[in-house]
Structure formats: C-alpha cells, structure tokens
Amino acid sequence: MSPTHDRGSALLTAVIVVLAVTIIGVGIISFASREIAGATAGAQRQGLVACAESARQLLLSRFHAVGVVPTAVDPLNVTLDGAGGRVAAVGGHVDQAVDTVQVSQVRFLPDNAFGPTSRVRDITNTVSLIGQGGKPLRVVVHCVDGGGRQLEVEFGVRFGL
C-alpha cells in the first residue's frame, strides 16, 4: 500500500470553520450595534416630540389667564426637568438663543387665515375666551434637549369667540 499524505487537512478545515464563525459573529455584532443606535435615536426623537408637545400645551395654557392678550404673554423659557435641568421649552424658532427669547412666539394672522370667514363656525380649535373676536394666531415654540437637539412646533389657533 502506498502511504497517503493527508496530514494537516483537519487543521486546515478547523481554521476555515473558525474563520467563518468569526465572520458571522462580527456581522451579528455590527448589526446589533446599528439596531441599538437606531433604537436610541428613535427614543430621543420621541422624547423631543413629547417635549415640543408639552411646550405647545404650556403656551396654550397661558392663554386661559383672564384678561391677557395672547400676544402679550410672557416669553416661554422653562426647563421641563426641574431646576438646573437640561431640557427646555422655549418660545420662538429653532436656533434662537435661549437668552434672547422675544414675545414674537405669538402673532396675529389675517382673519381669513383658517379659511373664508362666514357665519358658520367650527369651535374645535378655539380657546374659549371672550373679547378677542375669534382672532387667528400663529404660535411658535420649540424644545431643546440636553444633547442640543431641537424640535420646533408651529401651529395656528383661533383665540376667543
């Protein structure tokens, strides 16, 4: 019988299998890290949206003060996570410095801004206070989180009856 020279083939096969498993493992870790980054970004985005919505609700709540003209409400500049917090609800547009917030967060719009003026009225988006004649307003607020990300909410509301 002639001797065979198969020595080392098992070692070569084992090295190839270990290499393949390592490549698969690295791929799984890379995919998982991307998924974690995406989930974290989504959670931060949801937090920013909730913050901007709370800024909107906070500014609208200031309209309910009796005798206050909506364009004269105090500028919105409130930390939402306690004293010394990093999440702030601010009036005005994005990238406006927090120190220079003006009362321009609320402005009157033309009377026909929400459609033609007629005797038929829809009061679903009306803050019910008397004396303003149902004037349409443009309101701008934004939220700044601890990481410096900002989200602006601009909306219209008909103020008064």
Protein backbone atom coordinates (compact mmCIF):
# COMPACT_ATOMS: atom_id res chain seq x y z
CA MET A 1 0.00 0.00 0.00
CA SER A 2 1.19 3.47 -0.72
CA PRO A 3 1.17 5.98 2.12
CA THR A 4 -1.29 8.95 1.80
CA HIS A 5 -0.24 12.48 2.55
CA ASP A 6 -3.46 13.79 4.19
CA ARG A 7 -1.70 15.22 7.16
CA GLY A 8 -2.93 18.74 8.22
CA SER A 9 -6.26 18.71 6.35
CA ALA A 10 -8.21 18.51 9.62
CA LEU A 11 -6.33 21.54 10.95
CA LEU A 12 -7.00 23.48 7.75
CA THR A 13 -10.72 22.59 7.91
CA ALA A 14 -10.90 23.68 11.57
CA VAL A 15 -9.22 27.02 10.80
CA ILE A 16 -11.69 27.69 7.94
CA VAL A 17 -14.69 26.85 10.17
CA VAL A 18 -13.39 29.09 12.98
CA LEU A 19 -12.82 31.91 10.47
CA ALA A 20 -16.36 31.53 9.08
CA VAL A 21 -17.90 31.55 12.58
CA THR A 22 -15.82 34.63 13.49
CA ILE A 23 -17.01 36.49 10.39
CA ILE A 24 -20.62 35.61 11.19
CA GLY A 25 -20.11 36.77 14.82
CA VAL A 26 -18.62 40.09 13.73
CA GLY A 27 -21.55 40.60 11.35
CA ILE A 28 -24.08 39.92 14.13
CA ILE A 29 -22.32 42.35 16.49
CA SER A 30 -22.21 45.03 13.79
CA PHE A 31 -25.91 44.57 13.02
CA ALA A 32 -26.82 44.68 16.72
CA SER A 33 -24.87 47.89 17.29
CA ARG A 34 -26.70 49.54 14.38
CA GLU A 35 -30.03 48.40 15.81
CA ILE A 36 -29.13 49.81 19.22
CA ALA A 37 -28.11 53.13 17.65
CA GLY A 38 -31.39 53.27 15.72
CA ALA A 39 -33.44 52.46 18.81
CA THR A 40 -31.62 55.11 20.83
CA ALA A 41 -32.17 57.73 18.12
CA GLY A 42 -35.85 56.80 17.94
CA ALA A 43 -36.25 57.12 21.71
CA GLN A 44 -34.52 60.51 21.68
CA ARG A 45 -36.77 61.65 18.83
CA GLN A 46 -39.90 60.56 20.72
CA GLY A 47 -38.68 62.39 23.81
CA LEU A 48 -38.10 65.54 21.76
CA VAL A 49 -41.57 65.31 20.19
CA ALA A 50 -43.13 64.89 23.64
CA CYS A 51 -41.13 67.87 24.89
CA ALA A 52 -42.27 70.07 21.98
CA GLU A 53 -45.88 69.00 22.54
CA SER A 54 -45.60 69.89 26.24
CA ALA A 55 -44.18 73.30 25.24
CA ARG A 56 -47.21 73.78 22.97
CA GLN A 57 -49.63 72.81 25.74
CA LEU A 58 -47.82 75.04 28.25
CA LEU A 59 -48.07 78.07 25.99
CA LEU A 60 -51.73 77.38 25.23
CA SER A 61 -52.43 77.10 28.96
CA ARG A 62 -51.17 80.67 29.38
CA PHE A 63 -53.97 81.84 27.09
CA HIS A 64 -56.52 80.87 29.73
CA ALA A 65 -55.49 83.68 32.08
CA VAL A 66 -58.38 86.13 32.28
CA GLY A 67 -57.74 89.48 30.66
CA VAL A 68 -54.47 88.52 29.00
CA VAL A 69 -53.94 89.50 25.38
CA PRO A 70 -52.32 86.45 23.74
CA THR A 71 -49.57 88.46 22.06
CA ALA A 72 -48.56 89.83 25.48
CA VAL A 73 -47.93 86.51 27.24
CA ASP A 74 -44.53 86.19 28.85
CA PRO A 75 -41.85 84.63 26.67
CA LEU A 76 -41.75 80.88 27.15
CA ASN A 77 -38.42 79.76 28.59
CA VAL A 78 -39.00 76.90 31.03
CA THR A 79 -36.86 73.93 31.98
CA LEU A 80 -39.06 70.85 31.97
CA ASP A 81 -36.89 68.55 34.04
CA GLY A 82 -36.58 70.60 37.22
CA ALA A 83 -34.26 73.33 38.41
CA GLY A 84 -30.94 73.19 36.63
CA GLY A 85 -32.38 70.82 34.04
CA ARG A 86 -31.16 70.43 30.50
CA VAL A 87 -34.50 70.05 28.68
CA ALA A 88 -36.10 73.43 27.93
CA ALA A 89 -39.36 74.56 26.36
CA VAL A 90 -38.66 77.82 24.56
CA GLY A 91 -40.86 80.20 22.58
CA GLY A 92 -39.79 81.19 19.11
CA HIS A 93 -37.95 79.48 16.29
CA VAL A 94 -35.21 76.85 16.34
CA ASP A 95 -31.65 78.15 16.76
CA GLN A 96 -32.92 81.26 18.53
CA ALA A 97 -30.70 81.77 21.57
CA VAL A 98 -32.45 80.88 24.81
CA ASP A 99 -31.30 84.19 26.34
CA THR A 100 -32.95 86.29 23.61
CA VAL A 101 -36.47 84.85 23.60
CA GLN A 102 -38.90 87.50 22.46
CA VAL A 103 -42.66 87.65 22.69
CA SER A 104 -42.79 87.03 18.92
CA GLN A 105 -43.77 83.45 19.76
CA VAL A 106 -47.43 84.53 19.26
CA ARG A 107 -48.60 86.72 16.37
CA PHE A 108 -51.97 87.62 14.95
CA LEU A 109 -52.79 86.27 11.49
CA PRO A 110 -55.20 87.70 8.91
CA ASP A 111 -58.86 86.99 9.69
CA ASN A 112 -59.17 84.57 6.77
CA ALA A 113 -56.06 82.56 7.74
CA PHE A 114 -58.14 79.48 8.62
CA GLY A 115 -60.38 79.72 5.58
CA PRO A 116 -63.14 82.03 4.47
CA THR A 117 -64.89 84.00 7.18
CA SER A 118 -68.56 83.17 7.31
CA ARG A 119 -71.41 82.81 9.78
CA VAL A 120 -70.79 79.05 10.12
CA ARG A 121 -68.13 78.36 12.74
CA ASP A 122 -66.22 75.35 13.93
CA ILE A 123 -65.05 75.75 17.52
CA THR A 124 -62.87 72.63 17.74
CA ASN A 125 -59.62 74.64 17.71
CA THR A 126 -60.83 77.60 19.75
CA VAL A 127 -59.61 78.70 23.14
CA SER A 128 -62.88 79.98 24.53
CA LEU A 129 -62.32 83.41 25.98
CA ILE A 130 -64.49 86.40 25.21
CA GLY A 131 -63.24 89.68 23.83
CA GLN A 132 -60.81 88.78 21.04
CA GLY A 133 -63.41 88.21 18.34
CA GLY A 134 -62.02 84.85 17.34
CA LYS A 135 -58.72 86.15 16.01
CA PRO A 136 -56.44 83.58 14.38
CA LEU A 137 -52.96 83.39 15.87
CA ARG A 138 -49.69 81.80 14.82
CA VAL A 139 -47.84 80.24 17.73
CA VAL A 140 -44.22 79.04 17.57
CA VAL A 141 -42.49 77.02 20.30
CA HIS A 142 -39.57 74.65 20.29
CA CYS A 143 -37.84 72.26 22.62
CA VAL A 144 -34.12 71.91 23.30
CA ASP A 145 -32.89 68.70 24.92
CA GLY A 146 -29.68 68.04 26.82
CA GLY A 147 -27.80 66.97 23.69
CA GLY A 148 -28.55 70.23 21.88
CA ARG A 149 -31.18 68.69 19.59
CA GLN A 150 -34.14 70.96 18.82
CA LEU A 151 -37.65 70.46 17.51
CA GLU A 152 -39.99 73.29 16.55
CA VAL A 153 -43.78 73.26 16.59
CA GLU A 154 -45.61 75.99 14.70
CA PHE A 155 -49.39 75.95 14.77
CA GLY A 156 -52.42 78.13 14.40
CA VAL A 157 -55.20 78.67 16.88
CA ARG A 158 -58.30 80.81 16.83
CA PHE A 159 -58.32 82.78 20.08
CA GLY A 160 -61.62 83.93 21.54
CA LEU A 161 -65.20 83.62 20.42
